[in-house]
Amino acid sequence: MSLDELREEIRTIDREIVEKIAQRTYVADTIAQVKAERDLPTTDEEQEQAVMDRAGENAERFDVDANLVKAMFRLLIELNKVKQRESR
């Protein structure tokens, strides 16, 4: 593959990553609505740990740095929690 073709592949992957983040955010927003309706707390430490554990397992499965993947998921979780708190 040429350099331009490889860069095009990266652009496609980047778009797909952003699309997946948008999908995840939509579902997280829906979860926030359910939590608000049921008067549940914003933070669920057990669920957060399960997400982090899955992130680490998936990183290992795909031979990606687990610390990097967990840091990305920690950021996604924190952004969702901030958004949930603001919407209450």
PDB file of N, CA and C in Angstrom:
ATOM      1  N   MET A   1       0.843  -1.189   0.000  1.00  0.00           N
ATOM      2  CA  MET A   1       0.000   0.000   0.000  1.00  0.00           C
ATOM      3  C   MET A   1       0.882   1.244   0.000  1.00  0.00           C
ATOM      4  N   SER A   2       0.381   2.267  -0.633  1.00  0.00           N
ATOM      5  CA  SER A   2       1.117   3.528  -0.650  1.00  0.00           C
ATOM      6  C   SER A   2       0.867   4.291   0.653  1.00  0.00           C
ATOM      7  N   LEU A   3       1.689   5.286   0.881  1.00  0.00           N
ATOM      8  CA  LEU A   3       1.531   6.127   2.067  1.00  0.00           C
ATOM      9  C   LEU A   3       0.161   6.798   2.072  1.00  0.00           C
ATOM     10  N   ASP A   4      -0.261   7.290   0.921  1.00  0.00           N
ATOM     11  CA  ASP A   4      -1.590   7.934   0.842  1.00  0.00           C
ATOM     12  C   ASP A   4      -2.708   6.951   1.163  1.00  0.00           C
ATOM     13  N   GLU A   5      -2.580   5.732   0.680  1.00  0.00           N
ATOM     14  CA  GLU A   5      -3.597   4.719   0.963  1.00  0.00           C
ATOM     15  C   GLU A   5      -3.629   4.377   2.451  1.00  0.00           C
ATOM     16  N   LEU A   6      -2.468   4.269   3.048  1.00  0.00           N
ATOM     17  CA  LEU A   6      -2.401   3.985   4.476  1.00  0.00           C
ATOM     18  C   LEU A   6      -3.001   5.120   5.290  1.00  0.00           C
ATOM     19  N   ARG A   7      -2.712   6.354   4.879  1.00  0.00           N
ATOM     20  CA  ARG A   7      -3.283   7.512   5.587  1.00  0.00           C
ATOM     21  C   ARG A   7      -4.798   7.563   5.418  1.00  0.00           C
ATOM     22  N   GLU A   8      -5.277   7.170   4.272  1.00  0.00           N
ATOM     23  CA  GLU A   8      -6.727   7.117   4.055  1.00  0.00           C
ATOM     24  C   GLU A   8      -7.349   6.065   4.970  1.00  0.00           C
ATOM     25  N   GLU A   9      -6.671   4.956   5.133  1.00  0.00           N
ATOM     26  CA  GLU A   9      -7.165   3.918   6.040  1.00  0.00           C
ATOM     27  C   GLU A   9      -7.225   4.440   7.476  1.00  0.00           C
ATOM     28  N   ILE A  10      -6.213   5.194   7.891  1.00  0.00           N
ATOM     29  CA  ILE A  10      -6.216   5.808   9.224  1.00  0.00           C
ATOM     30  C   ILE A  10      -7.383   6.782   9.355  1.00  0.00           C
ATOM     31  N   ARG A  11      -7.628   7.591   8.334  1.00  0.00           N
ATOM     32  CA  ARG A  11      -8.756   8.540   8.378  1.00  0.00           C
ATOM     33  C   ARG A  11     -10.082   7.798   8.553  1.00  0.00           C
ATOM     34  N   THR A  12     -10.228   6.698   7.852  1.00  0.00           N
ATOM     35  CA  THR A  12     -11.451   5.896   7.970  1.00  0.00           C
ATOM     36  C   THR A  12     -11.587   5.326   9.384  1.00  0.00           C
ATOM     37  N   ILE A  13     -10.506   4.791   9.914  1.00  0.00           N
ATOM     38  CA  ILE A  13     -10.527   4.240  11.267  1.00  0.00           C
ATOM     39  C   ILE A  13     -10.837   5.333  12.286  1.00  0.00           C
ATOM     40  N   ASP A  14     -10.229   6.507  12.125  1.00  0.00           N
ATOM     41  CA  ASP A  14     -10.492   7.625  13.045  1.00  0.00           C
ATOM     42  C   ASP A  14     -11.969   7.996  13.050  1.00  0.00           C
ATOM     43  N   ARG A  15     -12.572   8.036  11.870  1.00  0.00           N
ATOM     44  CA  ARG A  15     -14.005   8.357  11.776  1.00  0.00           C
ATOM     45  C   ARG A  15     -14.828   7.291  12.482  1.00  0.00           C
ATOM     46  N   GLU A  16     -14.454   6.036  12.302  1.00  0.00           N
ATOM     47  CA  GLU A  16     -15.177   4.939  12.947  1.00  0.00           C
ATOM     48  C   GLU A  16     -15.039   5.000  14.462  1.00  0.00           C
ATOM     49  N   ILE A  17     -13.871   5.389  14.954  1.00  0.00           N
ATOM     50  CA  ILE A  17     -13.674   5.533  16.400  1.00  0.00           C
ATOM     51  C   ILE A  17     -14.605   6.614  16.940  1.00  0.00           C
ATOM     52  N   VAL A  18     -14.663   7.742  16.256  1.00  0.00           N
ATOM     53  CA  VAL A  18     -15.540   8.834  16.705  1.00  0.00           C
ATOM     54  C   VAL A  18     -17.000   8.399  16.638  1.00  0.00           C
ATOM     55  N   GLU A  19     -17.357   7.656  15.609  1.00  0.00           N
ATOM     56  CA  GLU A  19     -18.734   7.153  15.506  1.00  0.00           C
ATOM     57  C   GLU A  19     -19.064   6.239  16.683  1.00  0.00           C
ATOM     58  N   LYS A  20     -18.150   5.377  17.070  1.00  0.00           N
ATOM     59  CA  LYS A  20     -18.371   4.480  18.212  1.00  0.00           C
ATOM     60  C   LYS A  20     -18.463   5.264  19.522  1.00  0.00           C
ATOM     61  N   ILE A  21     -17.658   6.309  19.661  1.00  0.00           N
ATOM     62  CA  ILE A  21     -17.749   7.160  20.854  1.00  0.00           C
ATOM     63  C   ILE A  21     -19.118   7.828  20.904  1.00  0.00           C
ATOM     64  N   ALA A  22     -19.601   8.290  19.759  1.00  0.00           N
ATOM     65  CA  ALA A  22     -20.928   8.918  19.709  1.00  0.00           C
ATOM     66  C   ALA A  22     -22.015   7.908  20.092  1.00  0.00           C
ATOM     67  N   GLN A  23     -21.912   6.692  19.600  1.00  0.00           N
ATOM     68  CA  GLN A  23     -22.886   5.653  19.955  1.00  0.00           C
ATOM     69  C   GLN A  23     -22.838   5.352  21.450  1.00  0.00           C
ATOM     70  N   ARG A  24     -21.635   5.254  21.981  1.00  0.00           N
ATOM     71  CA  ARG A  24     -21.476   4.970  23.407  1.00  0.00           C
ATOM     72  C   ARG A  24     -22.058   6.100  24.240  1.00  0.00           C
ATOM     73  N   THR A  25     -21.821   7.324  23.815  1.00  0.00           N
ATOM     74  CA  THR A  25     -22.334   8.498  24.529  1.00  0.00           C
ATOM     75  C   THR A  25     -23.859   8.513  24.520  1.00  0.00           C
ATOM     76  N   TYR A  26     -24.460   8.161  23.398  1.00  0.00           N
ATOM     77  CA  TYR A  26     -25.920   8.103  23.306  1.00  0.00           C
ATOM     78  C   TYR A  26     -26.475   7.092  24.314  1.00  0.00           C
ATOM     79  N   VAL A  27     -25.871   5.917  24.369  1.00  0.00           N
ATOM     80  CA  VAL A  27     -26.342   4.894  25.311  1.00  0.00           C
ATOM     81  C   VAL A  27     -26.119   5.365  26.750  1.00  0.00           C
ATOM     82  N   ALA A  28     -24.971   5.979  27.015  1.00  0.00           N
ATOM     83  CA  ALA A  28     -24.692   6.495  28.359  1.00  0.00           C
ATOM     84  C   ALA A  28     -25.705   7.567  28.747  1.00  0.00           C
ATOM     85  N   ASP A  29     -26.095   8.414  27.791  1.00  0.00           N
ATOM     86  CA  ASP A  29     -27.117   9.428  28.069  1.00  0.00           C
ATOM     87  C   ASP A  29     -28.452   8.773  28.417  1.00  0.00           C
ATOM     88  N   THR A  30     -28.774   7.699  27.732  1.00  0.00           N
ATOM     89  CA  THR A  30     -30.011   6.975  28.017  1.00  0.00           C
ATOM     90  C   THR A  30     -29.950   6.355  29.404  1.00  0.00           C
ATOM     91  N   ILE A  31     -28.793   5.805  29.760  1.00  0.00           N
ATOM     92  CA  ILE A  31     -28.610   5.259  31.107  1.00  0.00           C
ATOM     93  C   ILE A  31     -28.794   6.359  32.145  1.00  0.00           C
ATOM     94  N   ALA A  32     -28.262   7.538  31.871  1.00  0.00           N
ATOM     95  CA  ALA A  32     -28.403   8.671  32.797  1.00  0.00           C
ATOM     96  C   ALA A  32     -29.868   9.025  32.999  1.00  0.00           C
ATOM     97  N   GLN A  33     -30.660   8.979  31.929  1.00  0.00           N
ATOM     98  CA  GLN A  33     -32.090   9.271  32.045  1.00  0.00           C
ATOM     99  C   GLN A  33     -32.773   8.240  32.938  1.00  0.00           C
ATOM    100  N   VAL A  34     -32.443   6.974  32.742  1.00  0.00           N
ATOM    101  CA  VAL A  34     -33.037   5.906  33.558  1.00  0.00           C
ATOM    102  C   VAL A  34     -32.641   6.089  35.022  1.00  0.00           C
ATOM    103  N   LYS A  35     -31.364   6.416  35.265  1.00  0.00           N
ATOM    104  CA  LYS A  35     -30.908   6.648  36.639  1.00  0.00           C
ATOM    105  C   LYS A  35     -31.673   7.808  37.280  1.00  0.00           C
ATOM    106  N   ALA A  36     -31.869   8.875  36.520  1.00  0.00           N
ATOM    107  CA  ALA A  36     -32.582  10.041  37.054  1.00  0.00           C
ATOM    108  C   ALA A  36     -34.037   9.683  37.358  1.00  0.00           C
ATOM    109  N   GLU A  37     -34.678   8.956  36.453  1.00  0.00           N
ATOM    110  CA  GLU A  37     -36.072   8.558  36.658  1.00  0.00           C
ATOM    111  C   GLU A  37     -36.228   7.665  37.891  1.00  0.00           C
ATOM    112  N   ARG A  38     -35.237   6.849  38.151  1.00  0.00           N
ATOM    113  CA  ARG A  38     -35.299   5.908  39.272  1.00  0.00           C
ATOM    114  C   ARG A  38     -34.588   6.431  40.509  1.00  0.00           C
ATOM    115  N   ASP A  39     -34.159   7.686  40.438  1.00  0.00           N
ATOM    116  CA  ASP A  39     -33.456   8.346  41.542  1.00  0.00           C
ATOM    117  C   ASP A  39     -32.246   7.531  42.005  1.00  0.00           C
ATOM    118  N   LEU A  40     -31.484   7.037  41.033  1.00  0.00           N
ATOM    119  CA  LEU A  40     -30.268   6.283  41.320  1.00  0.00           C
ATOM    120  C   LEU A  40     -29.064   7.222  41.280  1.00  0.00           C
ATOM    121  N   PRO A  41     -28.007   6.905  42.005  1.00  0.00           N
ATOM    122  CA  PRO A  41     -26.825   7.770  41.998  1.00  0.00           C
ATOM    123  C   PRO A  41     -26.128   7.769  40.637  1.00  0.00           C
ATOM    124  N   THR A  42     -25.454   8.860  40.351  1.00  0.00           N
ATOM    125  CA  THR A  42     -24.704   8.989  39.098  1.00  0.00           C
ATOM    126  C   THR A  42     -23.583   7.968  39.035  1.00  0.00           C
ATOM    127  N   THR A  43     -22.887   7.805  40.146  1.00  0.00           N
ATOM    128  CA  THR A  43     -21.722   6.925  40.179  1.00  0.00           C
ATOM    129  C   THR A  43     -22.106   5.518  40.616  1.00  0.00           C
ATOM    130  N   ASP A  44     -21.618   4.544  39.854  1.00  0.00           N
ATOM    131  CA  ASP A  44     -21.789   3.129  40.185  1.00  0.00           C
ATOM    132  C   ASP A  44     -20.394   2.510  40.088  1.00  0.00           C
ATOM    133  N   GLU A  45     -19.700   2.495  41.207  1.00  0.00           N
ATOM    134  CA  GLU A  45     -18.303   2.061  41.215  1.00  0.00           C
ATOM    135  C   GLU A  45     -18.128   0.618  40.740  1.00  0.00           C
ATOM    136  N   GLU A  46     -19.075  -0.236  41.072  1.00  0.00           N
ATOM    137  CA  GLU A  46     -18.988  -1.634  40.632  1.00  0.00           C
ATOM    138  C   GLU A  46     -19.050  -1.724  39.106  1.00  0.00           C
ATOM    139  N   GLN A  47     -19.964  -0.960  38.509  1.00  0.00           N
ATOM    140  CA  GLN A  47     -20.093  -0.955  37.048  1.00  0.00           C
ATOM    141  C   GLN A  47     -18.853  -0.342  36.403  1.00  0.00           C
ATOM    142  N   GLU A  48     -18.349   0.734  36.994  1.00  0.00           N
ATOM    143  CA  GLU A  48     -17.144   1.365  36.452  1.00  0.00           C
ATOM    144  C   GLU A  48     -15.972   0.384  36.466  1.00  0.00           C
ATOM    145  N   GLN A  49     -15.837  -0.374  37.552  1.00  0.00           N
ATOM    146  CA  GLN A  49     -14.751  -1.351  37.632  1.00  0.00           C
ATOM    147  C   GLN A  49     -14.929  -2.439  36.591  1.00  0.00           C
ATOM    148  N   ALA A  50     -16.173  -2.864  36.362  1.00  0.00           N
ATOM    149  CA  ALA A  50     -16.436  -3.877  35.336  1.00  0.00           C
ATOM    150  C   ALA A  50     -16.036  -3.356  33.953  1.00  0.00           C
ATOM    151  N   VAL A  51     -16.328  -2.079  33.684  1.00  0.00           N
ATOM    152  CA  VAL A  51     -15.943  -1.472  32.402  1.00  0.00           C
ATOM    153  C   VAL A  51     -14.424  -1.450  32.271  1.00  0.00           C
ATOM    154  N   MET A  52     -13.739  -1.061  33.342  1.00  0.00           N
ATOM    155  CA  MET A  52     -12.282  -0.985  33.303  1.00  0.00           C
ATOM    156  C   MET A  52     -11.673  -2.378  33.135  1.00  0.00           C
ATOM    157  N   ASP A  53     -12.237  -3.360  33.799  1.00  0.00           N
ATOM    158  CA  ASP A  53     -11.748  -4.729  33.657  1.00  0.00           C
ATOM    159  C   ASP A  53     -11.911  -5.216  32.215  1.00  0.00           C
ATOM    160  N   ARG A  54     -13.081  -4.954  31.631  1.00  0.00           N
ATOM    161  CA  ARG A  54     -13.314  -5.340  30.229  1.00  0.00           C
ATOM    162  C   ARG A  54     -12.353  -4.624  29.301  1.00  0.00           C
ATOM    163  N   ALA A  55     -12.116  -3.345  29.571  1.00  0.00           N
ATOM    164  CA  ALA A  55     -11.195  -2.577  28.731  1.00  0.00           C
ATOM    165  C   ALA A  55      -9.804  -3.203  28.753  1.00  0.00           C
ATOM    166  N   GLY A  56      -9.347  -3.572  29.944  1.00  0.00           N
ATOM    167  CA  GLY A  56      -8.043  -4.211  30.054  1.00  0.00           C
ATOM    168  C   GLY A  56      -7.994  -5.557  29.347  1.00  0.00           C
ATOM    169  N   GLU A  57      -9.053  -6.340  29.506  1.00  0.00           N
ATOM    170  CA  GLU A  57      -9.110  -7.653  28.844  1.00  0.00           C
ATOM    171  C   GLU A  57      -9.114  -7.502  27.330  1.00  0.00           C
ATOM    172  N   ASN A  58      -9.895  -6.557  26.830  1.00  0.00           N
ATOM    173  CA  ASN A  58      -9.939  -6.331  25.382  1.00  0.00           C
ATOM    174  C   ASN A  58      -8.606  -5.825  24.860  1.00  0.00           C
ATOM    175  N   ALA A  59      -7.939  -4.985  25.627  1.00  0.00           N
ATOM    176  CA  ALA A  59      -6.625  -4.489  25.215  1.00  0.00           C
ATOM    177  C   ALA A  59      -5.653  -5.657  25.068  1.00  0.00           C
ATOM    178  N   GLU A  60      -5.650  -6.536  26.046  1.00  0.00           N
ATOM    179  CA  GLU A  60      -4.760  -7.694  25.982  1.00  0.00           C
ATOM    180  C   GLU A  60      -5.110  -8.597  24.807  1.00  0.00           C
ATOM    181  N   ARG A  61      -6.398  -8.772  24.590  1.00  0.00           N
ATOM    182  CA  ARG A  61      -6.859  -9.623  23.487  1.00  0.00           C
ATOM    183  C   ARG A  61      -6.373  -9.123  22.138  1.00  0.00           C
ATOM    184  N   PHE A  62      -6.328  -7.788  21.983  1.00  0.00           N
ATOM    185  CA  PHE A  62      -5.917  -7.197  20.709  1.00  0.00           C
ATOM    186  C   PHE A  62      -4.471  -6.691  20.739  1.00  0.00           C
ATOM    187  N   ASP A  63      -3.736  -7.059  21.789  1.00  0.00           N
ATOM    188  CA  ASP A  63      -2.324  -6.703  21.921  1.00  0.00           C
ATOM    189  C   ASP A  63      -2.100  -5.186  21.833  1.00  0.00           C
ATOM    190  N   VAL A  64      -2.889  -4.479  22.632  1.00  0.00           N
ATOM    191  CA  VAL A  64      -2.787  -3.024  22.734  1.00  0.00           C
ATOM    192  C   VAL A  64      -2.422  -2.701  24.181  1.00  0.00           C
ATOM    193  N   ASP A  65      -1.698  -1.625  24.389  1.00  0.00           N
ATOM    194  CA  ASP A  65      -1.277  -1.220  25.732  1.00  0.00           C
ATOM    195  C   ASP A  65      -2.504  -1.051  26.635  1.00  0.00           C
ATOM    196  N   ALA A  66      -2.624  -1.897  27.648  1.00  0.00           N
ATOM    197  CA  ALA A  66      -3.790  -1.881  28.536  1.00  0.00           C
ATOM    198  C   ALA A  66      -3.898  -0.566  29.298  1.00  0.00           C
ATOM    199  N   ASN A  67      -2.773   0.007  29.697  1.00  0.00           N
ATOM    200  CA  ASN A  67      -2.822   1.282  30.421  1.00  0.00           C
ATOM    201  C   ASN A  67      -3.392   2.396  29.556  1.00  0.00           C
ATOM    202  N   LEU A  68      -3.028   2.412  28.291  1.00  0.00           N
ATOM    203  CA  LEU A  68      -3.558   3.420  27.365  1.00  0.00           C
ATOM    204  C   LEU A  68      -5.057   3.239  27.187  1.00  0.00           C
ATOM    205  N   VAL A  69      -5.483   2.008  26.966  1.00  0.00           N
ATOM    206  CA  VAL A  69      -6.912   1.738  26.761  1.00  0.00           C
ATOM    207  C   VAL A  69      -7.707   2.091  28.018  1.00  0.00           C
ATOM    208  N   LYS A  70      -7.194   1.716  29.172  1.00  0.00           N
ATOM    209  CA  LYS A  70      -7.891   2.038  30.420  1.00  0.00           C
ATOM    210  C   LYS A  70      -7.961   3.544  30.638  1.00  0.00           C
ATOM    211  N   ALA A  71      -6.923   4.265  30.275  1.00  0.00           N
ATOM    212  CA  ALA A  71      -6.939   5.724  30.405  1.00  0.00           C
ATOM    213  C   ALA A  71      -8.017   6.331  29.511  1.00  0.00           C
ATOM    214  N   MET A  72      -8.165   5.799  28.318  1.00  0.00           N
ATOM    215  CA  MET A  72      -9.203   6.298  27.416  1.00  0.00           C
ATOM    216  C   MET A  72     -10.591   6.026  27.984  1.00  0.00           C
ATOM    217  N   PHE A  73     -10.779   4.841  28.524  1.00  0.00           N
ATOM    218  CA  PHE A  73     -12.086   4.510  29.097  1.00  0.00           C
ATOM    219  C   PHE A  73     -12.362   5.314  30.362  1.00  0.00           C
ATOM    220  N   ARG A  74     -11.326   5.561  31.164  1.00  0.00           N
ATOM    221  CA  ARG A  74     -11.502   6.393  32.352  1.00  0.00           C
ATOM    222  C   ARG A  74     -11.990   7.783  31.935  1.00  0.00           C
ATOM    223  N   LEU A  75     -11.407   8.326  30.874  1.00  0.00           N
ATOM    224  CA  LEU A  75     -11.826   9.631  30.372  1.00  0.00           C
ATOM    225  C   LEU A  75     -13.281   9.592  29.897  1.00  0.00           C
ATOM    226  N   LEU A  76     -13.657   8.568  29.159  1.00  0.00           N
ATOM    227  CA  LEU A  76     -15.045   8.441  28.703  1.00  0.00           C
ATOM    228  C   LEU A  76     -16.005   8.359  29.884  1.00  0.00           C
ATOM    229  N   ILE A  77     -15.656   7.578  30.882  1.00  0.00           N
ATOM    230  CA  ILE A  77     -16.507   7.438  32.066  1.00  0.00           C
ATOM    231  C   ILE A  77     -16.644   8.777  32.785  1.00  0.00           C
ATOM    232  N   GLU A  78     -15.535   9.465  32.994  1.00  0.00           N
ATOM    233  CA  GLU A  78     -15.578  10.748  33.701  1.00  0.00           C
ATOM    234  C   GLU A  78     -16.388  11.783  32.931  1.00  0.00           C
ATOM    235  N   LEU A  79     -16.238  11.834  31.630  1.00  0.00           N
ATOM    236  CA  LEU A  79     -17.021  12.775  30.819  1.00  0.00           C
ATOM    237  C   LEU A  79     -18.509  12.472  30.916  1.00  0.00           C
ATOM    238  N   ASN A  80     -18.872  11.188  30.915  1.00  0.00           N
ATOM    239  CA  ASN A  80     -20.273  10.819  31.051  1.00  0.00           C
ATOM    240  C   ASN A  80     -20.820  11.190  32.416  1.00  0.00           C
ATOM    241  N   LYS A  81     -20.019  11.001  33.459  1.00  0.00           N
ATOM    242  CA  LYS A  81     -20.476  11.354  34.811  1.00  0.00           C
ATOM    243  C   LYS A  81     -20.673  12.860  34.954  1.00  0.00           C
ATOM    244  N   VAL A  82     -19.782  13.646  34.388  1.00  0.00           N
ATOM    245  CA  VAL A  82     -19.931  15.107  34.428  1.00  0.00           C
ATOM    246  C   VAL A  82     -21.217  15.493  33.719  1.00  0.00           C
ATOM    247  N   LYS A  83     -21.449  14.916  32.570  1.00  0.00           N
ATOM    248  CA  LYS A  83     -22.671  15.221  31.808  1.00  0.00           C
ATOM    249  C   LYS A  83     -23.922  14.821  32.602  1.00  0.00           C
ATOM    250  N   GLN A  84     -23.865  13.662  33.273  1.00  0.00           N
ATOM    251  CA  GLN A  84     -25.007  13.219  34.078  1.00  0.00           C
ATOM    252  C   GLN A  84     -25.278  14.190  35.222  1.00  0.00           C
ATOM    253  N   ARG A  85     -24.217  14.623  35.886  1.00  0.00           N
ATOM    254  CA  ARG A  85     -24.393  15.550  37.010  1.00  0.00           C
ATOM    255  C   ARG A  85     -24.979  16.880  36.542  1.00  0.00           C
ATOM    256  N   GLU A  86     -24.523  17.343  35.393  1.00  0.00           N
ATOM    257  CA  GLU A  86     -25.010  18.623  34.863  1.00  0.00           C
ATOM    258  C   GLU A  86     -26.481  18.560  34.466  1.00  0.00           C
ATOM    259  N   SER A  87     -26.930  17.378  34.040  1.00  0.00           N
ATOM    260  CA  SER A  87     -28.306  17.259  33.565  1.00  0.00           C
ATOM    261  C   SER A  87     -29.312  17.059  34.691  1.00  0.00           C
ATOM    262  N   ARG A  88     -28.825  16.885  35.908  1.00  0.00           N
ATOM    263  CA  ARG A  88     -29.737  16.670  37.045  1.00  0.00           C
ATOM    264  C   ARG A  88     -30.145  17.967  37.681  1.00  0.00           C
TER     265      ARG A  88
END
